[in-house]
Amino acid sequence: MNGELAELEQKVEQVLALFQDLRAENQQLHERVSSLESEKHRLSEKVDAARARLESLMEKLPQA
């Protein structure tokens, strides 16, 4: 009985350790997603600004 209880306790500790590891990894992944979304937004704004500049320059070109 004590052996079974000790084994169960060890398994519970392993599950808790795994849970904590996965929780930390999940937090890191959420932070990474947030960072990548911010970068995507910043790059999208740069692309839009470049597109607007190109369109402006194209309007100034003489028609052939």
PDB file of N, CA and C in Angstrom:
ATOM      1  N   MET A   1       0.829  -1.199   0.000  1.00  0.00           N
ATOM      2  CA  MET A   1       0.000   0.000   0.000  1.00  0.00           C
ATOM      3  C   MET A   1       0.868   1.255   0.000  1.00  0.00           C
ATOM      4  N   ASN A   2       1.879   1.304   0.878  1.00  0.00           N
ATOM      5  CA  ASN A   2       2.752   2.469   0.925  1.00  0.00           C
ATOM      6  C   ASN A   2       3.534   2.632  -0.372  1.00  0.00           C
ATOM      7  N   GLY A   3       3.915   1.486  -0.951  1.00  0.00           N
ATOM      8  CA  GLY A   3       4.627   1.538  -2.231  1.00  0.00           C
ATOM      9  C   GLY A   3       3.753   2.112  -3.326  1.00  0.00           C
ATOM     10  N   GLU A   4       2.501   1.723  -3.362  1.00  0.00           N
ATOM     11  CA  GLU A   4       1.560   2.242  -4.359  1.00  0.00           C
ATOM     12  C   GLU A   4       1.331   3.733  -4.151  1.00  0.00           C
ATOM     13  N   LEU A   5       1.235   4.129  -2.901  1.00  0.00           N
ATOM     14  CA  LEU A   5       1.016   5.544  -2.593  1.00  0.00           C
ATOM     15  C   LEU A   5       2.228   6.372  -2.998  1.00  0.00           C
ATOM     16  N   ALA A   6       3.412   5.873  -2.734  1.00  0.00           N
ATOM     17  CA  ALA A   6       4.643   6.566  -3.117  1.00  0.00           C
ATOM     18  C   ALA A   6       4.740   6.662  -4.637  1.00  0.00           C
ATOM     19  N   GLU A   7       4.360   5.601  -5.328  1.00  0.00           N
ATOM     20  CA  GLU A   7       4.386   5.609  -6.790  1.00  0.00           C
ATOM     21  C   GLU A   7       3.387   6.625  -7.342  1.00  0.00           C
ATOM     22  N   LEU A   8       2.207   6.660  -6.761  1.00  0.00           N
ATOM     23  CA  LEU A   8       1.195   7.623  -7.171  1.00  0.00           C
ATOM     24  C   LEU A   8       1.680   9.045  -6.920  1.00  0.00           C
ATOM     25  N   GLU A   9       2.291   9.257  -5.765  1.00  0.00           N
ATOM     26  CA  GLU A   9       2.821  10.581  -5.434  1.00  0.00           C
ATOM     27  C   GLU A   9       3.881  10.998  -6.445  1.00  0.00           C
ATOM     28  N   GLN A  10       4.738  10.081  -6.829  1.00  0.00           N
ATOM     29  CA  GLN A  10       5.782  10.375  -7.805  1.00  0.00           C
ATOM     30  C   GLN A  10       5.166  10.738  -9.166  1.00  0.00           C
ATOM     31  N   LYS A  11       4.145  10.001  -9.556  1.00  0.00           N
ATOM     32  CA  LYS A  11       3.477  10.289 -10.824  1.00  0.00           C
ATOM     33  C   LYS A  11       2.779  11.645 -10.794  1.00  0.00           C
ATOM     34  N   VAL A  12       2.160  11.980  -9.675  1.00  0.00           N
ATOM     35  CA  VAL A  12       1.510  13.289  -9.535  1.00  0.00           C
ATOM     36  C   VAL A  12       2.560  14.398  -9.639  1.00  0.00           C
ATOM     37  N   GLU A  13       3.713  14.201  -9.005  1.00  0.00           N
ATOM     38  CA  GLU A  13       4.781  15.187  -9.079  1.00  0.00           C
ATOM     39  C   GLU A  13       5.282  15.348 -10.511  1.00  0.00           C
ATOM     40  N   GLN A  14       5.381  14.247 -11.244  1.00  0.00           N
ATOM     41  CA  GLN A  14       5.800  14.308 -12.642  1.00  0.00           C
ATOM     42  C   GLN A  14       4.781  15.072 -13.488  1.00  0.00           C
ATOM     43  N   VAL A  15       3.513  14.796 -13.234  1.00  0.00           N
ATOM     44  CA  VAL A  15       2.453  15.497 -13.969  1.00  0.00           C
ATOM     45  C   VAL A  15       2.499  16.992 -13.659  1.00  0.00           C
ATOM     46  N   LEU A  16       2.688  17.340 -12.401  1.00  0.00           N
ATOM     47  CA  LEU A  16       2.766  18.750 -12.021  1.00  0.00           C
ATOM     48  C   LEU A  16       3.969  19.439 -12.661  1.00  0.00           C
ATOM     49  N   ALA A  17       5.109  18.743 -12.689  1.00  0.00           N
ATOM     50  CA  ALA A  17       6.301  19.308 -13.315  1.00  0.00           C
ATOM     51  C   ALA A  17       6.070  19.524 -14.804  1.00  0.00           C
ATOM     52  N   LEU A  18       5.446  18.542 -15.449  1.00  0.00           N
ATOM     53  CA  LEU A  18       5.132  18.679 -16.871  1.00  0.00           C
ATOM     54  C   LEU A  18       4.157  19.822 -17.095  1.00  0.00           C
ATOM     55  N   PHE A  19       3.157  19.921 -16.245  1.00  0.00           N
ATOM     56  CA  PHE A  19       2.184  21.014 -16.341  1.00  0.00           C
ATOM     57  C   PHE A  19       2.883  22.368 -16.253  1.00  0.00           C
ATOM     58  N   GLN A  20       3.796  22.512 -15.303  1.00  0.00           N
ATOM     59  CA  GLN A  20       4.505  23.778 -15.129  1.00  0.00           C
ATOM     60  C   GLN A  20       5.369  24.083 -16.348  1.00  0.00           C
ATOM     61  N   ASP A  21       6.039  23.066 -16.883  1.00  0.00           N
ATOM     62  CA  ASP A  21       6.852  23.263 -18.084  1.00  0.00           C
ATOM     63  C   ASP A  21       5.988  23.697 -19.258  1.00  0.00           C
ATOM     64  N   LEU A  22       4.863  23.030 -19.437  1.00  0.00           N
ATOM     65  CA  LEU A  22       3.970  23.364 -20.550  1.00  0.00           C
ATOM     66  C   LEU A  22       3.351  24.747 -20.371  1.00  0.00           C
ATOM     67  N   ARG A  23       3.055  25.098 -19.154  1.00  0.00           N
ATOM     68  CA  ARG A  23       2.496  26.422 -18.884  1.00  0.00           C
ATOM     69  C   ARG A  23       3.516  27.506 -19.230  1.00  0.00           C
ATOM     70  N   ALA A  24       4.778  27.294 -18.858  1.00  0.00           N
ATOM     71  CA  ALA A  24       5.837  28.257 -19.179  1.00  0.00           C
ATOM     72  C   ALA A  24       6.040  28.341 -20.691  1.00  0.00           C
ATOM     73  N   GLU A  25       6.034  27.194 -21.348  1.00  0.00           N
ATOM     74  CA  GLU A  25       6.190  27.184 -22.801  1.00  0.00           C
ATOM     75  C   GLU A  25       5.022  27.905 -23.469  1.00  0.00           C
ATOM     76  N   ASN A  26       3.822  27.683 -22.976  1.00  0.00           N
ATOM     77  CA  ASN A  26       2.639  28.344 -23.514  1.00  0.00           C
ATOM     78  C   ASN A  26       2.755  29.857 -23.376  1.00  0.00           C
ATOM     79  N   GLN A  27       3.240  30.308 -22.219  1.00  0.00           N
ATOM     80  CA  GLN A  27       3.418  31.739 -21.999  1.00  0.00           C
ATOM     81  C   GLN A  27       4.432  32.313 -22.993  1.00  0.00           C
ATOM     82  N   GLN A  28       5.528  31.591 -23.191  1.00  0.00           N
ATOM     83  CA  GLN A  28       6.542  32.035 -24.149  1.00  0.00           C
ATOM     84  C   GLN A  28       5.967  32.103 -25.562  1.00  0.00           C
ATOM     85  N   LEU A  29       5.163  31.127 -25.911  1.00  0.00           N
ATOM     86  CA  LEU A  29       4.557  31.119 -27.242  1.00  0.00           C
ATOM     87  C   LEU A  29       3.571  32.273 -27.407  1.00  0.00           C
ATOM     88  N   HIS A  30       2.808  32.570 -26.374  1.00  0.00           N
ATOM     89  CA  HIS A  30       1.894  33.716 -26.438  1.00  0.00           C
ATOM     90  C   HIS A  30       2.676  35.015 -26.631  1.00  0.00           C
ATOM     91  N   GLU A  31       3.784  35.153 -25.931  1.00  0.00           N
ATOM     92  CA  GLU A  31       4.617  36.348 -26.081  1.00  0.00           C
ATOM     93  C   GLU A  31       5.202  36.429 -27.486  1.00  0.00           C
ATOM     94  N   ARG A  32       5.620  35.287 -28.011  1.00  0.00           N
ATOM     95  CA  ARG A  32       6.185  35.259 -29.366  1.00  0.00           C
ATOM     96  C   ARG A  32       5.121  35.634 -30.394  1.00  0.00           C
ATOM     97  N   VAL A  33       3.922  35.105 -30.241  1.00  0.00           N
ATOM     98  CA  VAL A  33       2.825  35.435 -31.157  1.00  0.00           C
ATOM     99  C   VAL A  33       2.550  36.935 -31.110  1.00  0.00           C
ATOM    100  N   SER A  34       2.505  37.485 -29.917  1.00  0.00           N
ATOM    101  CA  SER A  34       2.255  38.919 -29.771  1.00  0.00           C
ATOM    102  C   SER A  34       3.347  39.732 -30.456  1.00  0.00           C
ATOM    103  N   SER A  35       4.583  39.327 -30.263  1.00  0.00           N
ATOM    104  CA  SER A  35       5.706  40.014 -30.890  1.00  0.00           C
ATOM    105  C   SER A  35       5.624  39.938 -32.411  1.00  0.00           C
ATOM    106  N   LEU A  36       5.312  38.760 -32.923  1.00  0.00           N
ATOM    107  CA  LEU A  36       5.207  38.590 -34.374  1.00  0.00           C
ATOM    108  C   LEU A  36       4.031  39.360 -34.953  1.00  0.00           C
ATOM    109  N   GLU A  37       2.937  39.440 -34.220  1.00  0.00           N
ATOM    110  CA  GLU A  37       1.799  40.227 -34.701  1.00  0.00           C
ATOM    111  C   GLU A  37       2.163  41.708 -34.767  1.00  0.00           C
ATOM    112  N   SER A  38       2.915  42.186 -33.789  1.00  0.00           N
ATOM    113  CA  SER A  38       3.356  43.579 -33.800  1.00  0.00           C
ATOM    114  C   SER A  38       4.286  43.837 -34.980  1.00  0.00           C
ATOM    115  N   GLU A  39       5.200  42.909 -35.202  1.00  0.00           N
ATOM    116  CA  GLU A  39       6.131  43.059 -36.326  1.00  0.00           C
ATOM    117  C   GLU A  39       5.380  43.033 -37.654  1.00  0.00           C
ATOM    118  N   LYS A  40       4.403  42.140 -37.771  1.00  0.00           N
ATOM    119  CA  LYS A  40       3.595  42.056 -38.992  1.00  0.00           C
ATOM    120  C   LYS A  40       2.871  43.377 -39.242  1.00  0.00           C
ATOM    121  N   HIS A  41       2.315  43.952 -38.186  1.00  0.00           N
ATOM    122  CA  HIS A  41       1.607  45.226 -38.310  1.00  0.00           C
ATOM    123  C   HIS A  41       2.561  46.327 -38.770  1.00  0.00           C
ATOM    124  N   ARG A  42       3.753  46.375 -38.151  1.00  0.00           N
ATOM    125  CA  ARG A  42       4.744  47.391 -38.507  1.00  0.00           C
ATOM    126  C   ARG A  42       5.170  47.234 -39.965  1.00  0.00           C
ATOM    127  N   LEU A  43       5.430  45.996 -40.391  1.00  0.00           N
ATOM    128  CA  LEU A  43       5.850  45.759 -41.770  1.00  0.00           C
ATOM    129  C   LEU A  43       4.723  46.066 -42.758  1.00  0.00           C
ATOM    130  N   SER A  44       3.510  45.772 -42.383  1.00  0.00           N
ATOM    131  CA  SER A  44       2.370  46.074 -43.240  1.00  0.00           C
ATOM    132  C   SER A  44       2.246  47.585 -43.452  1.00  0.00           C
ATOM    133  N   GLU A  45       2.472  48.342 -42.389  1.00  0.00           N
ATOM    134  CA  GLU A  45       2.431  49.802 -42.516  1.00  0.00           C
ATOM    135  C   GLU A  45       3.543  50.298 -43.441  1.00  0.00           C
ATOM    136  N   LYS A  46       4.727  49.690 -43.343  1.00  0.00           N
ATOM    137  CA  LYS A  46       5.829  50.080 -44.225  1.00  0.00           C
ATOM    138  C   LYS A  46       5.503  49.765 -45.680  1.00  0.00           C
ATOM    139  N   VAL A  47       4.899  48.614 -45.928  1.00  0.00           N
ATOM    140  CA  VAL A  47       4.516  48.238 -47.290  1.00  0.00           C
ATOM    141  C   VAL A  47       3.479  49.218 -47.826  1.00  0.00           C
ATOM    142  N   ASP A  48       2.505  49.577 -47.008  1.00  0.00           N
ATOM    143  CA  ASP A  48       1.477  50.534 -47.431  1.00  0.00           C
ATOM    144  C   ASP A  48       2.092  51.888 -47.761  1.00  0.00           C
ATOM    145  N   ALA A  49       3.047  52.336 -46.936  1.00  0.00           N
ATOM    146  CA  ALA A  49       3.702  53.618 -47.188  1.00  0.00           C
ATOM    147  C   ALA A  49       4.519  53.552 -48.480  1.00  0.00           C
ATOM    148  N   ALA A  50       5.220  52.467 -48.711  1.00  0.00           N
ATOM    149  CA  ALA A  50       6.003  52.306 -49.936  1.00  0.00           C
ATOM    150  C   ALA A  50       5.083  52.281 -51.155  1.00  0.00           C
ATOM    151  N   ARG A  51       3.953  51.586 -51.022  1.00  0.00           N
ATOM    152  CA  ARG A  51       2.989  51.523 -52.124  1.00  0.00           C
ATOM    153  C   ARG A  51       2.469  52.925 -52.454  1.00  0.00           C
ATOM    154  N   ALA A  52       2.158  53.692 -51.422  1.00  0.00           N
ATOM    155  CA  ALA A  52       1.654  55.055 -51.643  1.00  0.00           C
ATOM    156  C   ALA A  52       2.715  55.919 -52.323  1.00  0.00           C
ATOM    157  N   ARG A  53       3.979  55.778 -51.904  1.00  0.00           N
ATOM    158  CA  ARG A  53       5.049  56.554 -52.543  1.00  0.00           C
ATOM    159  C   ARG A  53       5.217  56.156 -54.005  1.00  0.00           C
ATOM    160  N   LEU A  54       5.171  54.857 -54.277  1.00  0.00           N
ATOM    161  CA  LEU A  54       5.302  54.399 -55.659  1.00  0.00           C
ATOM    162  C   LEU A  54       4.146  54.894 -56.525  1.00  0.00           C
ATOM    163  N   GLU A  55       2.944  54.831 -55.989  1.00  0.00           N
ATOM    164  CA  GLU A  55       1.796  55.319 -56.757  1.00  0.00           C
ATOM    165  C   GLU A  55       1.924  56.806 -57.034  1.00  0.00           C
ATOM    166  N   SER A  56       2.416  57.545 -56.052  1.00  0.00           N
ATOM    167  CA  SER A  56       2.616  58.984 -56.237  1.00  0.00           C
ATOM    168  C   SER A  56       3.663  59.245 -57.318  1.00  0.00           C
ATOM    169  N   LEU A  57       4.761  58.495 -57.277  1.00  0.00           N
ATOM    170  CA  LEU A  57       5.803  58.669 -58.285  1.00  0.00           C
ATOM    171  C   LEU A  57       5.295  58.276 -59.661  1.00  0.00           C
ATOM    172  N   MET A  58       4.496  57.230 -59.756  1.00  0.00           N
ATOM    173  CA  MET A  58       3.980  56.793 -61.040  1.00  0.00           C
ATOM    174  C   MET A  58       3.049  57.847 -61.638  1.00  0.00           C
ATOM    175  N   GLU A  59       2.308  58.541 -60.792  1.00  0.00           N
ATOM    176  CA  GLU A  59       1.415  59.592 -61.287  1.00  0.00           C
ATOM    177  C   GLU A  59       2.197  60.768 -61.859  1.00  0.00           C
ATOM    178  N   LYS A  60       3.411  60.961 -61.365  1.00  0.00           N
ATOM    179  CA  LYS A  60       4.242  62.087 -61.830  1.00  0.00           C
ATOM    180  C   LYS A  60       5.012  61.766 -63.105  1.00  0.00           C
ATOM    181  N   LEU A  61       5.075  60.492 -63.490  1.00  0.00           N
ATOM    182  CA  LEU A  61       5.791  60.117 -64.704  1.00  0.00           C
ATOM    183  C   LEU A  61       5.009  60.597 -65.924  1.00  0.00           C
ATOM    184  N   PRO A  62       5.749  61.053 -66.926  1.00  0.00           N
ATOM    185  CA  PRO A  62       5.042  61.458 -68.161  1.00  0.00           C
ATOM    186  C   PRO A  62       4.452  60.234 -68.858  1.00  0.00           C
ATOM    187  N   GLN A  63       3.316  60.468 -69.436  1.00  0.00           N
ATOM    188  CA  GLN A  63       2.647  59.377 -70.166  1.00  0.00           C
ATOM    189  C   GLN A  63       3.322  59.168 -71.500  1.00  0.00           C
ATOM    190  N   ALA A  64       3.582  57.910 -71.862  1.00  0.00           N
ATOM    191  CA  ALA A  64       4.280  57.624 -73.105  1.00  0.00           C
ATOM    192  C   ALA A  64       3.296  57.430 -74.224  1.00  0.00           C
TER     193      ALA A  64
END
